[in-house]
Amino acid sequence: DFGSVTDLVTEHTAQATIPVNCSSGSSYKLIADNGANYDAVNSIRRMSDGNDYISYSVYTDSAYSNAFPTTQAQATSMAGSGTVQNIPVYAKVSGQALPPVGSYTDTITLTINY
């Protein structure tokens, strides 16, 4: 959730955690799809409010340098602990033209493969 934003000249960031509970020692990979409003022509995720969009990116690190994996080949294996592990997810809206005022949303599906 980027909260209420009044300009898109500067970057806006957000963070969330994904709770994962896998058996101790079990190997798993967490991947994300491209969201419901993905622009395949320009390869960007987008939040939508009807026919208006705000592009954004999702990352695995707070430096916003490692894109969240979308394939098994890109994903890093993690080891389950037998208790809930909170996996951080970081998102960033980079500077862009301000679209009309609205409520912009997107849905990303995360998949755990083990």
Protein backbone atom coordinates (compact mmCIF):
# COMPACT_ATOMS: atom_id res chain seq x y z
CA ASP A 1 0.00 0.00 0.00
CA PHE A 2 1.56 3.25 -1.15
CA GLY A 3 -0.95 5.27 0.86
CA SER A 4 -2.28 8.59 -0.39
CA VAL A 5 -0.01 10.04 -3.06
CA THR A 6 -0.34 13.56 -4.45
CA ASP A 7 2.57 13.55 -6.90
CA LEU A 8 4.53 11.04 -8.91
CA VAL A 9 7.53 13.26 -9.63
CA THR A 10 9.50 11.46 -6.91
CA GLU A 11 9.69 7.76 -6.08
CA HIS A 12 7.27 6.22 -3.61
CA THR A 13 8.00 2.98 -1.79
CA ALA A 14 6.07 0.44 0.25
CA GLN A 15 6.89 -2.72 2.18
CA ALA A 16 4.91 -5.77 3.23
CA THR A 17 5.66 -9.22 4.59
CA ILE A 18 4.43 -12.58 3.37
CA PRO A 19 4.06 -15.17 6.15
CA VAL A 20 5.33 -18.59 5.05
CA ASN A 21 5.24 -21.73 7.19
CA CYS A 22 7.08 -24.75 5.78
CA SER A 23 8.43 -27.80 7.57
CA SER A 24 11.86 -27.45 9.12
CA GLY A 25 14.53 -28.14 6.51
CA SER A 26 12.07 -28.20 3.61
CA SER A 27 13.27 -26.29 0.58
CA TYR A 28 10.85 -23.91 -1.10
CA LYS A 29 10.75 -21.11 -3.68
CA LEU A 30 8.43 -18.11 -3.68
CA ILE A 31 7.47 -16.53 -7.02
CA ALA A 32 5.00 -13.83 -8.07
CA ASP A 33 2.96 -13.40 -11.19
CA ASN A 34 2.99 -10.08 -13.06
CA GLY A 35 -0.32 -8.87 -11.66
CA ALA A 36 -3.76 -8.35 -13.13
CA ASN A 37 -2.85 -5.21 -15.11
CA TYR A 38 0.49 -6.24 -16.58
CA ASP A 39 1.57 -4.43 -19.75
CA ALA A 40 3.25 -7.21 -21.76
CA VAL A 41 4.27 -4.84 -24.57
CA ASN A 42 6.35 -2.68 -22.21
CA SER A 43 7.03 -5.39 -19.58
CA ILE A 44 5.69 -3.40 -16.62
CA ARG A 45 3.36 -4.06 -13.72
CA ARG A 46 0.60 -1.49 -13.39
CA MET A 47 -2.02 -0.47 -10.87
CA SER A 48 -5.31 0.42 -12.52
CA ASP A 49 -8.26 2.71 -11.92
CA GLY A 50 -10.34 1.84 -14.95
CA ASN A 51 -8.39 2.87 -18.06
CA ASP A 52 -5.73 4.86 -16.16
CA TYR A 53 -2.54 3.30 -14.82
CA ILE A 54 0.41 3.81 -12.50
CA SER A 55 3.41 1.57 -13.17
CA TYR A 56 5.34 -0.04 -10.31
CA SER A 57 7.96 -2.68 -9.58
CA VAL A 58 8.30 -5.34 -6.87
CA TYR A 59 11.59 -6.36 -5.23
CA THR A 60 13.04 -8.79 -2.71
CA ASP A 61 15.40 -6.28 -1.10
CA SER A 62 15.19 -2.86 0.55
CA ALA A 63 17.73 -1.45 -1.93
CA TYR A 64 15.17 -2.08 -4.71
CA SER A 65 17.78 -3.79 -6.84
CA ASN A 66 16.56 -7.41 -7.04
CA ALA A 67 13.26 -7.85 -8.88
CA PHE A 68 10.85 -10.28 -7.27
CA PRO A 69 11.16 -13.57 -9.19
CA THR A 70 8.41 -14.55 -11.60
CA THR A 71 9.81 -17.97 -12.60
CA GLN A 72 11.27 -20.95 -10.78
CA ALA A 73 14.59 -20.38 -12.55
CA GLN A 74 14.83 -16.86 -11.09
CA ALA A 75 13.79 -17.80 -7.56
CA THR A 76 16.22 -18.53 -4.75
CA SER A 77 15.68 -21.67 -2.67
CA MET A 78 14.81 -20.97 0.95
CA ALA A 79 14.69 -23.39 3.86
CA GLY A 80 11.61 -23.82 5.99
CA SER A 81 12.02 -23.45 9.75
CA GLY A 82 8.89 -25.19 10.99
CA THR A 83 7.56 -21.81 12.16
CA VAL A 84 6.23 -18.77 10.34
CA GLN A 85 8.89 -16.92 8.37
CA ASN A 86 7.98 -13.38 7.33
CA ILE A 87 9.35 -12.82 3.84
CA PRO A 88 9.75 -9.10 3.04
CA VAL A 89 8.40 -7.68 -0.20
CA TYR A 90 9.29 -4.18 -1.38
CA ALA A 91 7.51 -2.13 -4.03
CA LYS A 92 8.40 1.11 -5.77
CA VAL A 93 6.59 3.60 -7.97
CA SER A 94 9.18 5.50 -10.00
CA GLY A 95 8.64 9.05 -11.24
CA GLN A 96 6.01 9.28 -13.99
CA ALA A 97 3.19 11.46 -15.26
CA LEU A 98 0.38 11.93 -12.75
CA PRO A 99 -2.81 10.21 -13.92
CA PRO A 100 -6.30 11.38 -12.90
CA VAL A 101 -7.20 11.16 -9.20
CA GLY A 102 -8.51 7.71 -8.30
CA SER A 103 -8.01 4.52 -6.37
CA TYR A 104 -5.33 2.52 -8.18
CA THR A 105 -4.99 -1.17 -7.37
CA ASP A 106 -3.46 -4.38 -8.66
CA THR A 107 -3.47 -7.98 -7.49
CA ILE A 108 -0.32 -10.12 -7.56
CA THR A 109 -0.58 -13.86 -6.91
CA LEU A 110 2.31 -15.44 -5.00
CA THR A 111 3.06 -19.13 -5.41
CA ILE A 112 5.11 -21.29 -3.07
CA ASN A 113 6.73 -24.30 -4.71
CA TYR A 114 8.28 -26.98 -2.51
